[in-house]
Amino acid sequence: MNDLRSTEKSGPELAINECMKSEGSNRAVLIVEDEASIRDVLVELFEVDGNAVTAAALLPEALEKLRTQRFDLIVTDLRLGGKRDGGLQVMALAGMLSPDAMVLVLTAYPDDANRQASFRLGALHFLEKPVDLATIAQHASTVGVRTAFAESTRE
């Protein structure tokens, strides 16, 4: 007769096992960028072993992705498809649904009002385009997200 208690774990043992599972799991990355060439470069930067990369071109698609998955890193353009506040809407929903995610904002319009709004909504970094991929990779590494840039410097 099987005793279920003998295979169940509880207390500290369960916590250790859960921690080990999360360390081996993929890091979820969301790229929100309406310019295909920039989006493709960012996806390529993050498409390495250990990452699950999701990309969205426009605000409705990005909001749907945020509603269905939690992310560790969100890289968003500030203006999406002509919407001045598209990236701000992404950040607002991310703050509620992926509150532990690092948010990086990319913009060609780096005014103070956008910068302050981004920081109020949880962005940790406000980066002006064109952005050096090494800078993005460095920020991503602080939350355990690996990049192709970091992989190529190891070789």
Protein backbone atom coordinates (compact mmCIF):
# COMPACT_ATOMS: atom_id res chain seq x y z
CA MET A 1 0.00 0.00 0.00
CA ASN A 2 1.44 3.37 -1.06
CA ASP A 3 1.70 6.04 1.57
CA LEU A 4 1.31 9.43 -0.15
CA ARG A 5 2.98 11.17 2.74
CA SER A 6 6.26 9.47 1.96
CA THR A 7 6.49 11.13 -1.47
CA GLU A 8 5.18 14.58 -0.51
CA LYS A 9 7.52 17.26 0.63
CA SER A 10 6.68 20.09 2.96
CA GLY A 11 8.26 22.95 4.85
CA PRO A 12 11.92 23.76 4.16
CA GLU A 13 12.38 20.73 1.92
CA LEU A 14 9.58 21.92 -0.37
CA ALA A 15 10.99 25.46 -0.44
CA ILE A 16 14.42 24.17 -1.47
CA ASN A 17 12.93 22.03 -4.25
CA GLU A 18 10.82 24.95 -5.53
CA CYS A 19 13.90 27.17 -5.56
CA MET A 20 15.87 24.58 -7.51
CA LYS A 21 13.05 24.30 -10.05
CA SER A 22 12.94 28.05 -10.64
CA GLU A 23 16.71 28.25 -11.12
CA GLY A 24 16.54 25.70 -13.90
CA SER A 25 13.54 27.26 -15.59
CA ASN A 26 13.51 29.66 -18.49
CA ARG A 27 13.60 33.40 -17.97
CA ALA A 28 10.62 34.98 -19.71
CA VAL A 29 11.38 38.01 -21.87
CA LEU A 30 8.82 40.25 -23.59
CA ILE A 31 9.95 42.51 -26.43
CA VAL A 32 7.44 45.22 -27.43
CA GLU A 33 8.63 47.17 -30.46
CA ASP A 34 6.72 48.31 -33.54
CA GLU A 35 9.80 48.62 -35.79
CA ALA A 36 10.37 45.13 -37.20
CA SER A 37 14.13 45.54 -37.65
CA ILE A 38 14.66 46.63 -34.03
CA ARG A 39 12.27 43.95 -32.73
CA ASP A 40 14.12 41.27 -34.70
CA VAL A 41 17.52 42.36 -33.33
CA LEU A 42 16.18 42.35 -29.77
CA VAL A 43 14.61 38.92 -30.19
CA GLU A 44 17.91 37.63 -31.57
CA LEU A 45 19.76 39.18 -28.62
CA PHE A 46 17.63 37.26 -26.11
CA GLU A 47 17.07 33.99 -27.99
CA VAL A 48 19.58 31.87 -26.10
CA ASP A 49 19.28 28.74 -23.98
CA GLY A 50 17.50 29.53 -20.76
CA ASN A 51 15.21 32.22 -22.18
CA ALA A 52 11.66 32.09 -23.48
CA VAL A 53 11.28 35.12 -25.74
CA THR A 54 7.93 36.61 -26.75
CA ALA A 55 7.60 39.55 -29.13
CA ALA A 56 4.76 41.95 -29.82
CA ALA A 57 4.58 44.67 -32.45
CA LEU A 58 1.63 46.71 -31.23
CA LEU A 59 -0.11 47.60 -28.00
CA PRO A 60 -3.12 45.20 -28.17
CA GLU A 61 -0.82 42.23 -28.81
CA ALA A 62 1.51 43.28 -25.98
CA LEU A 63 -1.36 43.67 -23.53
CA GLU A 64 -2.68 40.22 -24.43
CA LYS A 65 0.77 38.67 -23.85
CA LEU A 66 0.98 40.38 -20.45
CA ARG A 67 -2.44 39.02 -19.48
CA THR A 68 -1.44 35.43 -20.27
CA GLN A 69 2.14 35.17 -18.99
CA ARG A 70 4.45 36.54 -16.31
CA PHE A 71 7.76 38.00 -17.46
CA ASP A 72 11.17 38.51 -15.87
CA LEU A 73 12.25 41.20 -18.33
CA ILE A 74 10.18 43.55 -20.46
CA VAL A 75 11.81 45.70 -23.12
CA THR A 76 9.32 48.18 -24.57
CA ASP A 77 9.37 51.02 -27.02
CA LEU A 78 7.70 54.14 -25.65
CA ARG A 79 5.69 54.97 -28.78
CA LEU A 80 3.91 52.05 -30.38
CA GLY A 81 2.19 52.30 -33.74
CA GLY A 82 1.79 56.06 -33.44
CA LYS A 83 0.40 55.90 -29.87
CA ARG A 84 2.39 58.32 -27.75
CA ASP A 85 1.50 56.45 -24.57
CA GLY A 86 1.64 52.85 -25.85
CA GLY A 87 4.75 51.95 -23.88
CA LEU A 88 3.32 53.62 -20.78
CA GLN A 89 0.23 51.39 -21.07
CA VAL A 90 2.51 48.34 -21.35
CA MET A 91 4.34 49.44 -18.19
CA ALA A 92 1.10 50.06 -16.28
CA LEU A 93 -0.23 46.56 -16.99
CA ALA A 94 3.20 44.98 -16.43
CA GLY A 95 3.29 46.61 -12.99
CA MET A 96 0.10 44.77 -12.09
CA LEU A 97 0.65 41.41 -13.82
CA SER A 98 4.46 41.01 -13.79
CA PRO A 99 5.38 43.19 -10.81
CA ASP A 100 8.83 41.62 -10.38
CA ALA A 101 9.84 42.17 -14.01
CA MET A 102 12.64 44.55 -14.89
CA VAL A 103 11.31 47.06 -17.41
CA LEU A 104 13.62 48.71 -19.93
CA VAL A 105 12.18 51.56 -22.00
CA LEU A 106 13.58 52.35 -25.43
CA THR A 107 12.70 55.63 -27.09
CA ALA A 108 13.65 58.06 -29.80
CA TYR A 109 11.71 60.73 -27.83
CA PRO A 110 13.60 61.09 -24.54
CA ASP A 111 11.81 64.05 -22.98
CA ASP A 112 11.59 64.55 -19.22
CA ALA A 113 7.82 64.00 -19.02
CA ASN A 114 8.14 60.56 -20.64
CA ARG A 115 11.14 59.73 -18.47
CA GLN A 116 9.35 60.64 -15.25
CA ALA A 117 6.14 58.82 -16.28
CA SER A 118 8.18 55.72 -17.14
CA PHE A 119 9.92 55.70 -13.78
CA ARG A 120 6.61 56.22 -11.94
CA LEU A 121 5.23 53.16 -13.77
CA GLY A 122 8.16 50.99 -12.73
CA ALA A 123 10.73 51.30 -15.49
CA LEU A 124 14.22 50.84 -14.14
CA HIS A 125 16.03 52.16 -17.21
CA PHE A 126 15.05 54.76 -19.83
CA LEU A 127 17.31 54.31 -22.86
CA GLU A 128 17.56 56.58 -25.89
CA LYS A 129 17.66 54.99 -29.34
CA PRO A 130 19.94 53.95 -30.83
CA VAL A 131 20.83 51.82 -27.83
CA ASP A 132 24.03 49.84 -27.58
CA LEU A 133 23.17 46.12 -27.29
CA ALA A 134 25.89 45.75 -24.68
CA THR A 135 24.00 48.18 -22.45
CA ILE A 136 20.77 46.20 -22.81
CA ALA A 137 22.65 42.94 -22.17
CA GLN A 138 24.27 44.40 -19.04
CA HIS A 139 20.90 45.48 -17.60
CA ALA A 140 19.32 42.10 -18.46
CA SER A 141 22.11 40.22 -16.72
CA THR A 142 21.24 41.89 -13.41
CA VAL A 143 17.96 39.91 -13.35
CA GLY A 144 19.53 36.67 -14.56
CA VAL A 145 18.53 37.00 -18.21
CA ARG A 146 21.23 35.76 -20.56
CA THR A 147 21.87 37.29 -23.97
CA ALA A 148 23.63 36.35 -27.18
CA PHE A 149 25.93 39.30 -26.57
CA ALA A 150 27.10 37.86 -23.26
CA GLU A 151 27.46 34.41 -24.85
CA SER A 152 29.69 35.73 -27.65
CA THR A 153 32.02 37.50 -25.22
CA ARG A 154 32.65 34.21 -23.40
CA GLU A 155 34.01 32.47 -26.48
